[in-house]
Amino acid sequence: MPHFILDCSERIIELKSPQEIIETVYNAAESTGLFAKGDIKVRINPFKYYTVGGTHQDFIHVFGNIMEGRTNEQKANLSKEIVTILKQMFPDVPILSINIRDFEKASYANKTMV
């Protein structure tokens, strides 16, 4: 159920393979114990055209979308785990960030639910 979408500068996937980045984020999310094994989804959107504060610096921003019900402490820990591992993987990338958003159970649907 949880989705982690990485928006990043295109050069990021030249520094490390997309599969390595995906597996690293997957493992960091899984290590928190918040999600069932096999439920985590990770995707990467590399951008060729962008500006970051008027510059063309490399960046990674992770959009984490999870089902509601986790505490603020759990979500903060999840954010820190993912940023920490990305910081280790990309020590020279100046902008690494994440935000976690909750899906509402009442409005969430997938094909197995209809």
PDB file of N, CA and C in Angstrom:
ATOM      1  N   MET A   1       0.789  -1.188   0.000  1.00  0.00           N
ATOM      2  CA  MET A   1       0.000   0.000   0.000  1.00  0.00           C
ATOM      3  C   MET A   1       0.842   1.268   0.000  1.00  0.00           C
ATOM      4  N   PRO A   2       1.851   1.380   0.840  1.00  0.00           N
ATOM      5  CA  PRO A   2       2.586   2.650   0.832  1.00  0.00           C
ATOM      6  C   PRO A   2       3.308   2.861  -0.495  1.00  0.00           C
ATOM      7  N   HIS A   3       3.306   4.114  -0.930  1.00  0.00           N
ATOM      8  CA  HIS A   3       3.983   4.502  -2.162  1.00  0.00           C
ATOM      9  C   HIS A   3       5.051   5.524  -1.814  1.00  0.00           C
ATOM     10  N   PHE A   4       6.254   5.317  -2.311  1.00  0.00           N
ATOM     11  CA  PHE A   4       7.342   6.268  -2.153  1.00  0.00           C
ATOM     12  C   PHE A   4       7.790   6.672  -3.546  1.00  0.00           C
ATOM     13  N   ILE A   5       7.541   7.927  -3.903  1.00  0.00           N
ATOM     14  CA  ILE A   5       7.866   8.440  -5.229  1.00  0.00           C
ATOM     15  C   ILE A   5       9.007   9.422  -5.087  1.00  0.00           C
ATOM     16  N   LEU A   6      10.112   9.123  -5.745  1.00  0.00           N
ATOM     17  CA  LEU A   6      11.283   9.987  -5.684  1.00  0.00           C
ATOM     18  C   LEU A   6      11.308  10.883  -6.907  1.00  0.00           C
ATOM     19  N   ASP A   7      11.201  12.171  -6.684  1.00  0.00           N
ATOM     20  CA  ASP A   7      11.492  13.156  -7.716  1.00  0.00           C
ATOM     21  C   ASP A   7      12.959  13.516  -7.525  1.00  0.00           C
ATOM     22  N   CYS A   8      13.716  13.534  -8.617  1.00  0.00           N
ATOM     23  CA  CYS A   8      15.139  13.819  -8.490  1.00  0.00           C
ATOM     24  C   CYS A   8      15.684  14.416  -9.774  1.00  0.00           C
ATOM     25  N   SER A   9      16.838  15.044  -9.652  1.00  0.00           N
ATOM     26  CA  SER A   9      17.538  15.499 -10.851  1.00  0.00           C
ATOM     27  C   SER A   9      18.011  14.267 -11.620  1.00  0.00           C
ATOM     28  N   GLU A  10      18.065  14.396 -12.911  1.00  0.00           N
ATOM     29  CA  GLU A  10      18.413  13.268 -13.778  1.00  0.00           C
ATOM     30  C   GLU A  10      19.782  12.665 -13.447  1.00  0.00           C
ATOM     31  N   ARG A  11      20.682  13.489 -12.976  1.00  0.00           N
ATOM     32  CA  ARG A  11      22.040  13.015 -12.668  1.00  0.00           C
ATOM     33  C   ARG A  11      22.053  11.983 -11.536  1.00  0.00           C
ATOM     34  N   ILE A  12      21.035  11.996 -10.681  1.00  0.00           N
ATOM     35  CA  ILE A  12      20.975  11.045  -9.566  1.00  0.00           C
ATOM     36  C   ILE A  12      21.038   9.610 -10.074  1.00  0.00           C
ATOM     37  N   ILE A  13      20.317   9.322 -11.155  1.00  0.00           N
ATOM     38  CA  ILE A  13      20.313   7.943 -11.667  1.00  0.00           C
ATOM     39  C   ILE A  13      21.555   7.630 -12.502  1.00  0.00           C
ATOM     40  N   GLU A  14      22.427   8.623 -12.664  1.00  0.00           N
ATOM     41  CA  GLU A  14      23.739   8.361 -13.236  1.00  0.00           C
ATOM     42  C   GLU A  14      24.747   8.036 -12.133  1.00  0.00           C
ATOM     43  N   LEU A  15      24.500   8.566 -10.927  1.00  0.00           N
ATOM     44  CA  LEU A  15      25.386   8.316  -9.789  1.00  0.00           C
ATOM     45  C   LEU A  15      25.187   6.915  -9.221  1.00  0.00           C
ATOM     46  N   LYS A  16      23.943   6.471  -9.166  1.00  0.00           N
ATOM     47  CA  LYS A  16      23.584   5.127  -8.692  1.00  0.00           C
ATOM     48  C   LYS A  16      22.489   4.599  -9.610  1.00  0.00           C
ATOM     49  N   SER A  17      22.418   3.300  -9.759  1.00  0.00           N
ATOM     50  CA  SER A  17      21.402   2.737 -10.644  1.00  0.00           C
ATOM     51  C   SER A  17      20.012   2.925 -10.038  1.00  0.00           C
ATOM     52  N   PRO A  18      19.006   3.089 -10.890  1.00  0.00           N
ATOM     53  CA  PRO A  18      17.642   3.214 -10.363  1.00  0.00           C
ATOM     54  C   PRO A  18      17.264   2.035  -9.466  1.00  0.00           C
ATOM     55  N   GLN A  19      17.662   0.828  -9.850  1.00  0.00           N
ATOM     56  CA  GLN A  19      17.315  -0.346  -9.051  1.00  0.00           C
ATOM     57  C   GLN A  19      17.954  -0.279  -7.666  1.00  0.00           C
ATOM     58  N   GLU A  20      19.193   0.171  -7.595  1.00  0.00           N
ATOM     59  CA  GLU A  20      19.871   0.295  -6.297  1.00  0.00           C
ATOM     60  C   GLU A  20      19.169   1.329  -5.412  1.00  0.00           C
ATOM     61  N   ILE A  21      18.761   2.438  -5.996  1.00  0.00           N
ATOM     62  CA  ILE A  21      18.048   3.480  -5.238  1.00  0.00           C
ATOM     63  C   ILE A  21      16.707   2.946  -4.752  1.00  0.00           C
ATOM     64  N   ILE A  22      15.978   2.295  -5.642  1.00  0.00           N
ATOM     65  CA  ILE A  22      14.664   1.743  -5.290  1.00  0.00           C
ATOM     66  C   ILE A  22      14.788   0.732  -4.156  1.00  0.00           C
ATOM     67  N   GLU A  23      15.746  -0.183  -4.270  1.00  0.00           N
ATOM     68  CA  GLU A  23      15.933  -1.202  -3.229  1.00  0.00           C
ATOM     69  C   GLU A  23      16.333  -0.577  -1.893  1.00  0.00           C
ATOM     70  N   THR A  24      17.143   0.464  -1.937  1.00  0.00           N
ATOM     71  CA  THR A  24      17.585   1.126  -0.715  1.00  0.00           C
ATOM     72  C   THR A  24      16.417   1.793  -0.003  1.00  0.00           C
ATOM     73  N   VAL A  25      15.581   2.496  -0.749  1.00  0.00           N
ATOM     74  CA  VAL A  25      14.415   3.149  -0.143  1.00  0.00           C
ATOM     75  C   VAL A  25      13.427   2.098   0.354  1.00  0.00           C
ATOM     76  N   TYR A  26      13.217   1.060  -0.436  1.00  0.00           N
ATOM     77  CA  TYR A  26      12.336  -0.037  -0.032  1.00  0.00           C
ATOM     78  C   TYR A  26      12.788  -0.627   1.299  1.00  0.00           C
ATOM     79  N   ASN A  27      14.071  -0.959   1.391  1.00  0.00           N
ATOM     80  CA  ASN A  27      14.608  -1.572   2.604  1.00  0.00           C
ATOM     81  C   ASN A  27      14.512  -0.645   3.808  1.00  0.00           C
ATOM     82  N   ALA A  28      14.740   0.643   3.600  1.00  0.00           N
ATOM     83  CA  ALA A  28      14.630   1.600   4.702  1.00  0.00           C
ATOM     84  C   ALA A  28      13.193   1.666   5.206  1.00  0.00           C
ATOM     85  N   ALA A  29      12.229   1.710   4.288  1.00  0.00           N
ATOM     86  CA  ALA A  29      10.816   1.747   4.687  1.00  0.00           C
ATOM     87  C   ALA A  29      10.431   0.449   5.386  1.00  0.00           C
ATOM     88  N   GLU A  30      10.876  -0.666   4.848  1.00  0.00           N
ATOM     89  CA  GLU A  30      10.545  -1.961   5.435  1.00  0.00           C
ATOM     90  C   GLU A  30      11.143  -2.111   6.840  1.00  0.00           C
ATOM     91  N   SER A  31      12.325  -1.538   7.050  1.00  0.00           N
ATOM     92  CA  SER A  31      13.005  -1.673   8.340  1.00  0.00           C
ATOM     93  C   SER A  31      12.244  -1.025   9.494  1.00  0.00           C
ATOM     94  N   THR A  32      11.317  -0.126   9.184  1.00  0.00           N
ATOM     95  CA  THR A  32      10.556   0.542  10.246  1.00  0.00           C
ATOM     96  C   THR A  32       9.495  -0.360  10.855  1.00  0.00           C
ATOM     97  N   GLY A  33       9.129  -1.440  10.161  1.00  0.00           N
ATOM     98  CA  GLY A  33       8.104  -2.350  10.661  1.00  0.00           C
ATOM     99  C   GLY A  33       6.688  -1.805  10.538  1.00  0.00           C
ATOM    100  N   LEU A  34       6.517  -0.729   9.811  1.00  0.00           N
ATOM    101  CA  LEU A  34       5.190  -0.106   9.673  1.00  0.00           C
ATOM    102  C   LEU A  34       4.335  -0.740   8.575  1.00  0.00           C
ATOM    103  N   PHE A  35       4.959  -1.531   7.690  1.00  0.00           N
ATOM    104  CA  PHE A  35       4.257  -2.024   6.514  1.00  0.00           C
ATOM    105  C   PHE A  35       4.442  -3.525   6.360  1.00  0.00           C
ATOM    106  N   ALA A  36       3.450  -4.165   5.777  1.00  0.00           N
ATOM    107  CA  ALA A  36       3.533  -5.602   5.503  1.00  0.00           C
ATOM    108  C   ALA A  36       4.564  -5.850   4.402  1.00  0.00           C
ATOM    109  N   LYS A  37       5.298  -6.916   4.538  1.00  0.00           N
ATOM    110  CA  LYS A  37       6.305  -7.276   3.538  1.00  0.00           C
ATOM    111  C   LYS A  37       5.643  -7.422   2.170  1.00  0.00           C
ATOM    112  N   GLY A  38       6.240  -6.817   1.174  1.00  0.00           N
ATOM    113  CA  GLY A  38       5.718  -6.900  -0.183  1.00  0.00           C
ATOM    114  C   GLY A  38       4.715  -5.824  -0.553  1.00  0.00           C
ATOM    115  N   ASP A  39       4.275  -5.023   0.420  1.00  0.00           N
ATOM    116  CA  ASP A  39       3.283  -3.982   0.131  1.00  0.00           C
ATOM    117  C   ASP A  39       3.901  -2.661  -0.320  1.00  0.00           C
ATOM    118  N   ILE A  40       5.176  -2.467  -0.085  1.00  0.00           N
ATOM    119  CA  ILE A  40       5.823  -1.177  -0.347  1.00  0.00           C
ATOM    120  C   ILE A  40       6.080  -1.015  -1.842  1.00  0.00           C
ATOM    121  N   LYS A  41       5.748   0.169  -2.349  1.00  0.00           N
ATOM    122  CA  LYS A  41       5.976   0.500  -3.755  1.00  0.00           C
ATOM    123  C   LYS A  41       6.905   1.706  -3.823  1.00  0.00           C
ATOM    124  N   VAL A  42       7.907   1.637  -4.703  1.00  0.00           N
ATOM    125  CA  VAL A  42       8.875   2.724  -4.855  1.00  0.00           C
ATOM    126  C   VAL A  42       9.025   3.024  -6.346  1.00  0.00           C
ATOM    127  N   ARG A  43       8.973   4.320  -6.687  1.00  0.00           N
ATOM    128  CA  ARG A  43       9.140   4.750  -8.078  1.00  0.00           C
ATOM    129  C   ARG A  43      10.068   5.956  -8.125  1.00  0.00           C
ATOM    130  N   ILE A  44      10.698   6.163  -9.277  1.00  0.00           N
ATOM    131  CA  ILE A  44      11.605   7.300  -9.455  1.00  0.00           C
ATOM    132  C   ILE A  44      11.165   8.104 -10.675  1.00  0.00           C
ATOM    133  N   ASN A  45      11.115   9.429 -10.491  1.00  0.00           N
ATOM    134  CA  ASN A  45      10.861  10.375 -11.579  1.00  0.00           C
ATOM    135  C   ASN A  45      12.090  11.267 -11.723  1.00  0.00           C
ATOM    136  N   PRO A  46      12.999  10.962 -12.665  1.00  0.00           N
ATOM    137  CA  PRO A  46      14.152  11.841 -12.862  1.00  0.00           C
ATOM    138  C   PRO A  46      13.772  13.032 -13.749  1.00  0.00           C
ATOM    139  N   PHE A  47      14.235  14.203 -13.373  1.00  0.00           N
ATOM    140  CA  PHE A  47      13.925  15.416 -14.114  1.00  0.00           C
ATOM    141  C   PHE A  47      15.166  15.967 -14.809  1.00  0.00           C
ATOM    142  N   LYS A  48      15.019  16.240 -16.089  1.00  0.00           N
ATOM    143  CA  LYS A  48      16.075  16.881 -16.864  1.00  0.00           C
ATOM    144  C   LYS A  48      15.948  18.400 -16.755  1.00  0.00           C
ATOM    145  N   TYR A  49      14.716  18.873 -16.709  1.00  0.00           N
ATOM    146  CA  TYR A  49      14.458  20.307 -16.684  1.00  0.00           C
ATOM    147  C   TYR A  49      13.847  20.677 -15.344  1.00  0.00           C
ATOM    148  N   TYR A  50      14.524  21.531 -14.598  1.00  0.00           N
ATOM    149  CA  TYR A  50      14.053  21.939 -13.279  1.00  0.00           C
ATOM    150  C   TYR A  50      14.866  23.132 -12.801  1.00  0.00           C
ATOM    151  N   THR A  51      14.394  23.756 -11.749  1.00  0.00           N
ATOM    152  CA  THR A  51      15.178  24.744 -11.018  1.00  0.00           C
ATOM    153  C   THR A  51      14.941  24.519  -9.540  1.00  0.00           C
ATOM    154  N   VAL A  52      15.979  24.680  -8.779  1.00  0.00           N
ATOM    155  CA  VAL A  52      15.898  24.550  -7.327  1.00  0.00           C
ATOM    156  C   VAL A  52      16.443  25.853  -6.750  1.00  0.00           C
ATOM    157  N   GLY A  53      15.532  26.713  -6.324  1.00  0.00           N
ATOM    158  CA  GLY A  53      15.965  28.003  -5.782  1.00  0.00           C
ATOM    159  C   GLY A  53      16.753  28.825  -6.787  1.00  0.00           C
ATOM    160  N   GLY A  54      16.374  28.699  -8.067  1.00  0.00           N
ATOM    161  CA  GLY A  54      17.062  29.452  -9.106  1.00  0.00           C
ATOM    162  C   GLY A  54      18.378  28.820  -9.547  1.00  0.00           C
ATOM    163  N   THR A  55      18.668  27.611  -9.068  1.00  0.00           N
ATOM    164  CA  THR A  55      19.913  26.921  -9.449  1.00  0.00           C
ATOM    165  C   THR A  55      19.580  25.606 -10.136  1.00  0.00           C
ATOM    166  N   HIS A  56      20.602  24.930 -10.572  1.00  0.00           N
ATOM    167  CA  HIS A  56      20.451  23.611 -11.196  1.00  0.00           C
ATOM    168  C   HIS A  56      21.180  22.557 -10.357  1.00  0.00           C
ATOM    169  N   GLN A  57      21.071  22.684  -9.021  1.00  0.00           N
ATOM    170  CA  GLN A  57      21.704  21.730  -8.117  1.00  0.00           C
ATOM    171  C   GLN A  57      20.955  20.401  -8.151  1.00  0.00           C
ATOM    172  N   ASP A  58      21.701  19.339  -7.875  1.00  0.00           N
ATOM    173  CA  ASP A  58      21.061  18.028  -7.768  1.00  0.00           C
ATOM    174  C   ASP A  58      20.141  17.993  -6.557  1.00  0.00           C
ATOM    175  N   PHE A  59      19.089  17.189  -6.659  1.00  0.00           N
ATOM    176  CA  PHE A  59      18.137  17.085  -5.561  1.00  0.00           C
ATOM    177  C   PHE A  59      17.457  15.726  -5.580  1.00  0.00           C
ATOM    178  N   ILE A  60      16.945  15.355  -4.411  1.00  0.00           N
ATOM    179  CA  ILE A  60      16.033  14.214  -4.272  1.00  0.00           C
ATOM    180  C   ILE A  60      14.952  14.648  -3.294  1.00  0.00           C
ATOM    181  N   HIS A  61      13.701  14.511  -3.702  1.00  0.00           N
ATOM    182  CA  HIS A  61      12.587  14.706  -2.774  1.00  0.00           C
ATOM    183  C   HIS A  61      11.701  13.468  -2.865  1.00  0.00           C
ATOM    184  N   VAL A  62      11.412  12.882  -1.698  1.00  0.00           N
ATOM    185  CA  VAL A  62      10.584  11.692  -1.632  1.00  0.00           C
ATOM    186  C   VAL A  62       9.192  12.084  -1.160  1.00  0.00           C
ATOM    187  N   PHE A  63       8.192  11.684  -1.941  1.00  0.00           N
ATOM    188  CA  PHE A  63       6.794  11.845  -1.538  1.00  0.00           C
ATOM    189  C   PHE A  63       6.337  10.490  -1.018  1.00  0.00           C
ATOM    190  N   GLY A  64       6.093  10.411   0.279  1.00  0.00           N
ATOM    191  CA  GLY A  64       5.621   9.173   0.884  1.00  0.00           C
ATOM    192  C   GLY A  64       4.125   9.254   1.114  1.00  0.00           C
ATOM    193  N   ASN A  65       3.393   8.324   0.541  1.00  0.00           N
ATOM    194  CA  ASN A  65       1.937   8.261   0.705  1.00  0.00           C
ATOM    195  C   ASN A  65       1.604   6.963   1.416  1.00  0.00           C
ATOM    196  N   ILE A  66       1.064   7.075   2.641  1.00  0.00           N
ATOM    197  CA  ILE A  66       0.786   5.892   3.450  1.00  0.00           C
ATOM    198  C   ILE A  66      -0.649   5.950   3.966  1.00  0.00           C
ATOM    199  N   MET A  67      -1.180   4.782   4.310  1.00  0.00           N
ATOM    200  CA  MET A  67      -2.526   4.730   4.871  1.00  0.00           C
ATOM    201  C   MET A  67      -2.545   5.397   6.240  1.00  0.00           C
ATOM    202  N   GLU A  68      -3.589   6.174   6.504  1.00  0.00           N
ATOM    203  CA  GLU A  68      -3.704   6.854   7.786  1.00  0.00           C
ATOM    204  C   GLU A  68      -3.661   5.850   8.937  1.00  0.00           C
ATOM    205  N   GLY A  69      -3.340   6.334  10.120  1.00  0.00           N
ATOM    206  CA  GLY A  69      -3.338   5.478  11.288  1.00  0.00           C
ATOM    207  C   GLY A  69      -1.997   5.402  12.002  1.00  0.00           C
ATOM    208  N   ARG A  70      -0.938   5.895  11.379  1.00  0.00           N
ATOM    209  CA  ARG A  70       0.364   5.908  12.055  1.00  0.00           C
ATOM    210  C   ARG A  70       0.487   7.172  12.887  1.00  0.00           C
ATOM    211  N   THR A  71       1.253   7.095  13.953  1.00  0.00           N
ATOM    212  CA  THR A  71       1.458   8.262  14.813  1.00  0.00           C
ATOM    213  C   THR A  71       2.440   9.226  14.155  1.00  0.00           C
ATOM    214  N   ASN A  72       2.446  10.460  14.641  1.00  0.00           N
ATOM    215  CA  ASN A  72       3.421  11.430  14.154  1.00  0.00           C
ATOM    216  C   ASN A  72       4.843  10.944  14.411  1.00  0.00           C
ATOM    217  N   GLU A  73       5.056  10.292  15.547  1.00  0.00           N
ATOM    218  CA  GLU A  73       6.375   9.760  15.865  1.00  0.00           C
ATOM    219  C   GLU A  73       6.794   8.684  14.854  1.00  0.00           C
ATOM    220  N   GLN A  74       5.877   7.803  14.487  1.00  0.00           N
ATOM    221  CA  GLN A  74       6.180   6.760  13.500  1.00  0.00           C
ATOM    222  C   GLN A  74       6.500   7.375  12.143  1.00  0.00           C
ATOM    223  N   LYS A  75       5.735   8.380  11.753  1.00  0.00           N
ATOM    224  CA  LYS A  75       5.973   9.032  10.460  1.00  0.00           C
ATOM    225  C   LYS A  75       7.294   9.795  10.466  1.00  0.00           C
ATOM    226  N   ALA A  76       7.614  10.444  11.591  1.00  0.00           N
ATOM    227  CA  ALA A  76       8.890  11.155  11.702  1.00  0.00           C
ATOM    228  C   ALA A  76      10.053  10.174  11.610  1.00  0.00           C
ATOM    229  N   ASN A  77       9.935   9.021  12.267  1.00  0.00           N
ATOM    230  CA  ASN A  77      10.980   8.001  12.206  1.00  0.00           C
ATOM    231  C   ASN A  77      11.139   7.481  10.782  1.00  0.00           C
ATOM    232  N   LEU A  78      10.034   7.238  10.092  1.00  0.00           N
ATOM    233  CA  LEU A  78      10.067   6.792   8.704  1.00  0.00           C
ATOM    234  C   LEU A  78      10.820   7.808   7.841  1.00  0.00           C
ATOM    235  N   SER A  79      10.484   9.081   7.993  1.00  0.00           N
ATOM    236  CA  SER A  79      11.158  10.143   7.236  1.00  0.00           C
ATOM    237  C   SER A  79      12.652  10.150   7.508  1.00  0.00           C
ATOM    238  N   LYS A  80      13.020  10.071   8.773  1.00  0.00           N
ATOM    239  CA  LYS A  80      14.438  10.117   9.145  1.00  0.00           C
ATOM    240  C   LYS A  80      15.191   8.905   8.619  1.00  0.00           C
ATOM    241  N   GLU A  81      14.573   7.726   8.660  1.00  0.00           N
ATOM    242  CA  GLU A  81      15.229   6.514   8.140  1.00  0.00           C
ATOM    243  C   GLU A  81      15.543   6.663   6.653  1.00  0.00           C
ATOM    244  N   ILE A  82      14.579   7.152   5.904  1.00  0.00           N
ATOM    245  CA  ILE A  82      14.777   7.263   4.453  1.00  0.00           C
ATOM    246  C   ILE A  82      15.787   8.354   4.114  1.00  0.00           C
ATOM    247  N   VAL A  83      15.694   9.508   4.753  1.00  0.00           N
ATOM    248  CA  VAL A  83      16.659  10.583   4.474  1.00  0.00           C
ATOM    249  C   VAL A  83      18.062  10.168   4.905  1.00  0.00           C
ATOM    250  N   THR A  84      18.172   9.489   6.032  1.00  0.00           N
ATOM    251  CA  THR A  84      19.486   9.043   6.510  1.00  0.00           C
ATOM    252  C   THR A  84      20.159   8.127   5.503  1.00  0.00           C
ATOM    253  N   ILE A  85      19.428   7.159   4.986  1.00  0.00           N
ATOM    254  CA  ILE A  85      20.034   6.208   4.052  1.00  0.00           C
ATOM    255  C   ILE A  85      20.359   6.892   2.716  1.00  0.00           C
ATOM    256  N   LEU A  86      19.519   7.829   2.284  1.00  0.00           N
ATOM    257  CA  LEU A  86      19.824   8.567   1.053  1.00  0.00           C
ATOM    258  C   LEU A  86      21.028   9.484   1.241  1.00  0.00           C
ATOM    259  N   LYS A  87      21.166  10.053   2.424  1.00  0.00           N
ATOM    260  CA  LYS A  87      22.325  10.908   2.719  1.00  0.00           C
ATOM    261  C   LYS A  87      23.611  10.092   2.667  1.00  0.00           C
ATOM    262  N   GLN A  88      23.566   8.861   3.160  1.00  0.00           N
ATOM    263  CA  GLN A  88      24.733   7.976   3.087  1.00  0.00           C
ATOM    264  C   GLN A  88      25.043   7.595   1.643  1.00  0.00           C
ATOM    265  N   MET A  89      24.010   7.375   0.873  1.00  0.00           N
ATOM    266  CA  MET A  89      24.168   6.961  -0.519  1.00  0.00           C
ATOM    267  C   MET A  89      24.626   8.115  -1.416  1.00  0.00           C
ATOM    268  N   PHE A  90      24.158   9.334  -1.097  1.00  0.00           N
ATOM    269  CA  PHE A  90      24.447  10.518  -1.913  1.00  0.00           C
ATOM    270  C   PHE A  90      24.975  11.652  -1.027  1.00  0.00           C
ATOM    271  N   PRO A  91      26.171  11.506  -0.467  1.00  0.00           N
ATOM    272  CA  PRO A  91      26.675  12.511   0.471  1.00  0.00           C
ATOM    273  C   PRO A  91      26.890  13.898  -0.148  1.00  0.00           C
ATOM    274  N   ASP A  92      27.061  13.969  -1.458  1.00  0.00           N
ATOM    275  CA  ASP A  92      27.333  15.255  -2.095  1.00  0.00           C
ATOM    276  C   ASP A  92      26.098  15.914  -2.711  1.00  0.00           C
ATOM    277  N   VAL A  93      24.941  15.273  -2.598  1.00  0.00           N
ATOM    278  CA  VAL A  93      23.710  15.874  -3.119  1.00  0.00           C
ATOM    279  C   VAL A  93      23.217  16.878  -2.086  1.00  0.00           C
ATOM    280  N   PRO A  94      23.116  18.157  -2.462  1.00  0.00           N
ATOM    281  CA  PRO A  94      22.818  19.194  -1.464  1.00  0.00           C
ATOM    282  C   PRO A  94      21.382  19.210  -0.945  1.00  0.00           C
ATOM    283  N   ILE A  95      20.439  18.682  -1.711  1.00  0.00           N
ATOM    284  CA  ILE A  95      19.035  18.766  -1.310  1.00  0.00           C
ATOM    285  C   ILE A  95      18.440  17.367  -1.256  1.00  0.00           C
ATOM    286  N   LEU A  96      18.181  16.896  -0.039  1.00  0.00           N
ATOM    287  CA  LEU A  96      17.527  15.605   0.210  1.00  0.00           C
ATOM    288  C   LEU A  96      16.375  15.869   1.163  1.00  0.00           C
ATOM    289  N   SER A  97      15.166  15.548   0.759  1.00  0.00           N
ATOM    290  CA  SER A  97      14.016  15.826   1.618  1.00  0.00           C
ATOM    291  C   SER A  97      12.917  14.800   1.390  1.00  0.00           C
ATOM    292  N   ILE A  98      11.947  14.804   2.303  1.00  0.00           N
ATOM    293  CA  ILE A  98      10.822  13.871   2.238  1.00  0.00           C
ATOM    294  C   ILE A  98       9.627  14.510   2.917  1.00  0.00           C
ATOM    295  N   ASN A  99       8.460  14.154   2.471  1.00  0.00           N
ATOM    296  CA  ASN A  99       7.244  14.448   3.238  1.00  0.00           C
ATOM    297  C   ASN A  99       6.339  13.221   3.178  1.00  0.00           C
ATOM    298  N   ILE A 100       5.630  13.010   4.263  1.00  0.00           N
ATOM    299  CA  ILE A 100       4.731  11.874   4.376  1.00  0.00           C
ATOM    300  C   ILE A 100       3.305  12.398   4.384  1.00  0.00           C
ATOM    301  N   ARG A 101       2.471  11.811   3.540  1.00  0.00           N
ATOM    302  CA  ARG A 101       1.051  12.172   3.490  1.00  0.00           C
ATOM    303  C   ARG A 101       0.226  10.934   3.780  1.00  0.00           C
ATOM    304  N   ASP A 102      -0.898  11.136   4.454  1.00  0.00           N
ATOM    305  CA  ASP A 102      -1.797  10.035   4.775  1.00  0.00           C
ATOM    306  C   ASP A 102      -2.892   9.898   3.719  1.00  0.00           C
ATOM    307  N   PHE A 103      -3.107   8.644   3.270  1.00  0.00           N
ATOM    308  CA  PHE A 103      -4.310   8.317   2.515  1.00  0.00           C
ATOM    309  C   PHE A 103      -5.439   8.200   3.527  1.00  0.00           C
ATOM    310  N   GLU A 104      -6.627   8.635   3.177  1.00  0.00           N
ATOM    311  CA  GLU A 104      -7.794   8.424   4.036  1.00  0.00           C
ATOM    312  C   GLU A 104      -8.413   7.076   3.677  1.00  0.00           C
ATOM    313  N   LYS A 105      -8.658   6.245   4.684  1.00  0.00           N
ATOM    314  CA  LYS A 105      -9.259   4.932   4.442  1.00  0.00           C
ATOM    315  C   LYS A 105     -10.615   5.062   3.755  1.00  0.00           C
ATOM    316  N   ALA A 106     -11.363   6.087   4.145  1.00  0.00           N
ATOM    317  CA  ALA A 106     -12.718   6.269   3.617  1.00  0.00           C
ATOM    318  C   ALA A 106     -12.732   6.513   2.107  1.00  0.00           C
ATOM    319  N   SER A 107     -11.688   7.129   1.567  1.00  0.00           N
ATOM    320  CA  SER A 107     -11.709   7.468   0.144  1.00  0.00           C
ATOM    321  C   SER A 107     -10.735   6.641  -0.690  1.00  0.00           C
ATOM    322  N   TYR A 108      -9.996   5.743  -0.084  1.00  0.00           N
ATOM    323  CA  TYR A 108      -9.048   4.914  -0.821  1.00  0.00           C
ATOM    324  C   TYR A 108      -9.761   3.712  -1.437  1.00  0.00           C
ATOM    325  N   ALA A 109      -9.393   3.403  -2.675  1.00  0.00           N
ATOM    326  CA  ALA A 109      -9.925   2.197  -3.340  1.00  0.00           C
ATOM    327  C   ALA A 109      -8.864   1.655  -4.283  1.00  0.00           C
ATOM    328  N   ASN A 110      -8.874   0.361  -4.461  1.00  0.00           N
ATOM    329  CA  ASN A 110      -8.070  -0.271  -5.495  1.00  0.00           C
ATOM    330  C   ASN A 110      -8.930  -1.347  -6.151  1.00  0.00           C
ATOM    331  N   LYS A 111      -8.420  -2.010  -7.166  1.00  0.00           N
ATOM    332  CA  LYS A 111      -9.262  -2.909  -7.952  1.00  0.00           C
ATOM    333  C   LYS A 111      -9.775  -4.109  -7.168  1.00  0.00           C
ATOM    334  N   THR A 112      -9.055  -4.522  -6.118  1.00  0.00           N
ATOM    335  CA  THR A 112      -9.558  -5.653  -5.330  1.00  0.00           C
ATOM    336  C   THR A 112     -10.699  -5.259  -4.401  1.00  0.00           C
ATOM    337  N   MET A 113     -10.930  -3.966  -4.248  1.00  0.00           N
ATOM    338  CA  MET A 113     -11.959  -3.478  -3.330  1.00  0.00           C
ATOM    339  C   MET A 113     -13.278  -3.187  -4.045  1.00  0.00           C
ATOM    340  N   VAL A 114     -13.276  -3.224  -5.367  1.00  0.00           N
ATOM    341  CA  VAL A 114     -14.515  -2.911  -6.124  1.00  0.00           C
ATOM    342  C   VAL A 114     -15.006  -4.108  -6.881  1.00  0.00           C
TER     343      VAL A 114
END
